C-alpha atoms as a PDB file:
ATOM      1  CA  MET A   1     137.200 134.606  66.434  1.00  0.00           C
ATOM      2  CA  GLY A   2     137.567 133.715  62.974  1.00  0.00           C
ATOM      3  CA  LEU A   3     137.786 130.591  60.958  1.00  0.00           C
ATOM      4  CA  ASP A   4     138.828 130.237  57.234  1.00  0.00           C
ATOM      5  CA  ILE A   5     136.915 127.577  55.449  1.00  0.00           C
ATOM      6  CA  LYS A   6     137.706 127.106  51.995  1.00  0.00           C
ATOM      7  CA  ALA A   7     135.514 124.362  50.664  1.00  0.00           C
ATOM      8  CA  LEU A   8     133.575 121.365  51.287  1.00  0.00           C
ATOM      9  CA  PRO A   9     135.609 118.752  52.982  1.00  0.00           C
ATOM     10  CA  GLU A  10     135.987 116.705  49.973  1.00  0.00           C
ATOM     11  CA  ASP A  11     136.851 119.416  47.753  1.00  0.00           C
ATOM     12  CA  TYR A  12     139.734 120.813  49.911  1.00  0.00           C
ATOM     13  CA  ASP A  13     142.560 118.601  48.696  1.00  0.00           C
ATOM     14  CA  THR A  14     142.153 119.741  45.332  1.00  0.00           C
ATOM     15  CA  LEU A  15     141.851 123.213  46.272  1.00  0.00           C
ATOM     16  CA  THR A  16     144.821 123.339  48.800  1.00  0.00           C
ATOM     17  CA  GLY A  17     147.171 120.625  47.186  1.00  0.00           C
ATOM     18  CA  VAL A  18     147.189 119.144  50.780  1.00  0.00           C
ATOM     19  CA  SER A  19     145.920 115.576  51.582  1.00  0.00           C
ATOM     20  CA  GLY A  20     143.767 115.219  54.406  1.00  0.00           C
ATOM     21  CA  SER A  21     143.232 119.231  54.820  1.00  0.00           C
ATOM     22  CA  GLY A  22     139.430 119.056  54.278  1.00  0.00           C
ATOM     23  CA  GLU A  23     138.865 116.558  57.271  1.00  0.00           C
ATOM     24  CA  LYS A  24     141.390 118.895  59.577  1.00  0.00           C
ATOM     25  CA  ALA A  25     139.492 122.082  58.777  1.00  0.00           C
ATOM     26  CA  TRP A  26     136.144 120.470  59.167  1.00  0.00           C
ATOM     27  CA  GLU A  27     137.212 118.934  62.714  1.00  0.00           C
ATOM     28  CA  SER A  28     138.250 122.546  63.719  1.00  0.00           C
ATOM     29  CA  LEU A  29     134.946 123.801  62.706  1.00  0.00           C
ATOM     30  CA  GLN A  30     133.155 121.262  64.623  1.00  0.00           C
ATOM     31  CA  LEU A  31     135.094 122.122  67.511  1.00  0.00           C
ATOM     32  CA  LEU A  32     134.563 125.803  67.351  1.00  0.00           C
ATOM     33  CA  VAL A  33     130.735 125.408  66.989  1.00  0.00           C
ATOM     34  CA  ALA A  34     130.577 123.079  69.868  1.00  0.00           C
ATOM     35  CA  SER A  35     132.708 125.442  71.995  1.00  0.00           C
ATOM     36  CA  GLY A  36     130.194 128.221  72.593  1.00  0.00           C
ATOM     37  CA  VAL A  37     132.879 130.470  71.683  1.00  0.00           C
ATOM     38  CA  ALA A  38     131.288 133.527  69.262  1.00  0.00           C
ATOM     39  CA  TYR A  39     132.921 133.295  65.899  1.00  0.00           C
ATOM     40  CA  GLU A  40     132.589 133.851  62.382  1.00  0.00           C
ATOM     41  CA  ILE A  41     133.484 131.794  59.558  1.00  0.00           C
ATOM     42  CA  ARG A  42     135.024 133.339  56.606  1.00  0.00           C
ATOM     43  CA  THR A  43     135.138 131.868  52.745  1.00  0.00           C
ATOM     44  CA  THR A  44     137.347 133.625  50.308  1.00  0.00           C
ATOM     45  CA  VAL A  45     135.931 133.235  46.872  1.00  0.00           C
ATOM     46  CA  HIS A  46     138.139 133.069  43.666  1.00  0.00           C
ATOM     47  CA  PRO A  47     135.318 132.838  40.694  1.00  0.00           C
ATOM     48  CA  GLU A  48     137.413 130.140  39.106  1.00  0.00           C
ATOM     49  CA  LEU A  49     137.770 127.756  42.145  1.00  0.00           C
ATOM     50  CA  LEU A  50     134.380 128.450  44.102  1.00  0.00           C
ATOM     51  CA  THR A  51     131.419 128.522  41.183  1.00  0.00           C
ATOM     52  CA  PRO A  52     128.010 129.814  42.583  1.00  0.00           C
ATOM     53  CA  ALA A  53     126.750 126.135  42.796  1.00  0.00           C
ATOM     54  CA  LEU A  54     129.584 125.033  45.079  1.00  0.00           C
ATOM     55  CA  LEU A  55     129.268 128.287  47.588  1.00  0.00           C
ATOM     56  CA  LYS A  56     125.550 127.292  47.867  1.00  0.00           C
ATOM     57  CA  GLN A  57     126.519 123.787  48.670  1.00  0.00           C
ATOM     58  CA  LEU A  58     128.961 125.091  51.327  1.00  0.00           C
ATOM     59  CA  ASP A  59     126.455 127.229  53.025  1.00  0.00           C
ATOM     60  CA  SER A  60     124.193 124.660  53.135  1.00  0.00           C
ATOM     61  CA  ARG A  61     126.621 122.343  54.667  1.00  0.00           C
ATOM     62  CA  LEU A  62     127.921 124.973  57.201  1.00  0.00           C
ATOM     63  CA  GLN A  63     124.260 125.639  58.339  1.00  0.00           C
ATOM     64  CA  GLU A  64     123.772 121.902  58.785  1.00  0.00           C
ATOM     65  CA  THR A  65     127.101 121.988  61.104  1.00  0.00           C
ATOM     66  CA  GLY A  66     125.398 124.768  63.066  1.00  0.00           C
ATOM     67  CA  VAL A  67     127.219 127.874  61.445  1.00  0.00           C
ATOM     68  CA  VAL A  68     124.976 131.118  61.482  1.00  0.00           C
ATOM     69  CA  ASN A  69     127.525 133.359  60.815  1.00  0.00           C
ATOM     70  CA  HIS A  70     129.321 132.934  57.337  1.00  0.00           C
ATOM     71  CA  GLN A  71     130.980 135.590  55.544  1.00  0.00           C
ATOM     72  CA  LEU A  72     132.132 135.674  51.937  1.00  0.00           C
ATOM     73  CA  GLN A  73     135.073 137.631  51.044  1.00  0.00           C
ATOM     74  CA  LYS A  74     136.473 138.294  47.386  1.00  0.00           C
ATOM     75  CA  CYS A  75     139.888 137.139  46.860  1.00  0.00           C
ATOM     76  CA  ASN A  76     142.589 139.625  45.947  1.00  0.00           C
ATOM     77  CA  THR A  77     144.014 138.097  42.816  1.00  0.00           C
ATOM     78  CA  GLY A  78     146.990 140.406  43.083  1.00  0.00           C
ATOM     79  CA  HIS A  79     148.245 138.625  45.917  1.00  0.00           C
ATOM     80  CA  CYS A  80     148.142 134.816  44.721  1.00  0.00           C
ATOM     81  CA  LEU A  81     150.998 132.950  44.716  1.00  0.00           C
ATOM     82  CA  ASP A  82     149.941 130.670  41.972  1.00  0.00           C
ATOM     83  CA  THR A  83     150.141 133.088  39.044  1.00  0.00           C
ATOM     84  CA  THR A  84     147.613 131.107  36.925  1.00  0.00           C
ATOM     85  CA  LEU A  85     144.975 132.384  39.515  1.00  0.00           C
ATOM     86  CA  THR A  86     145.902 136.038  39.159  1.00  0.00           C
ATOM     87  CA  ALA A  87     143.056 138.034  37.161  1.00  0.00           C
END
């Protein structure tokens, strides 16, 4: 099972444009971690949106939450709906 975590909960609204999205995503994360089901957390990295410092903070927070399998995925900017984010 996989779950996409885009950012720290406090940064989600800015990244997604959806109010409250961080709280919902991280609530889902906590439920998944507590479930005992095997899972992988994935974060898609766009270098203009997630700096190395933010990624380090995200990874630390995920570890504190109990996540042991966090994978980074490179953003394919050729498929961004927001044309300001294309390479």
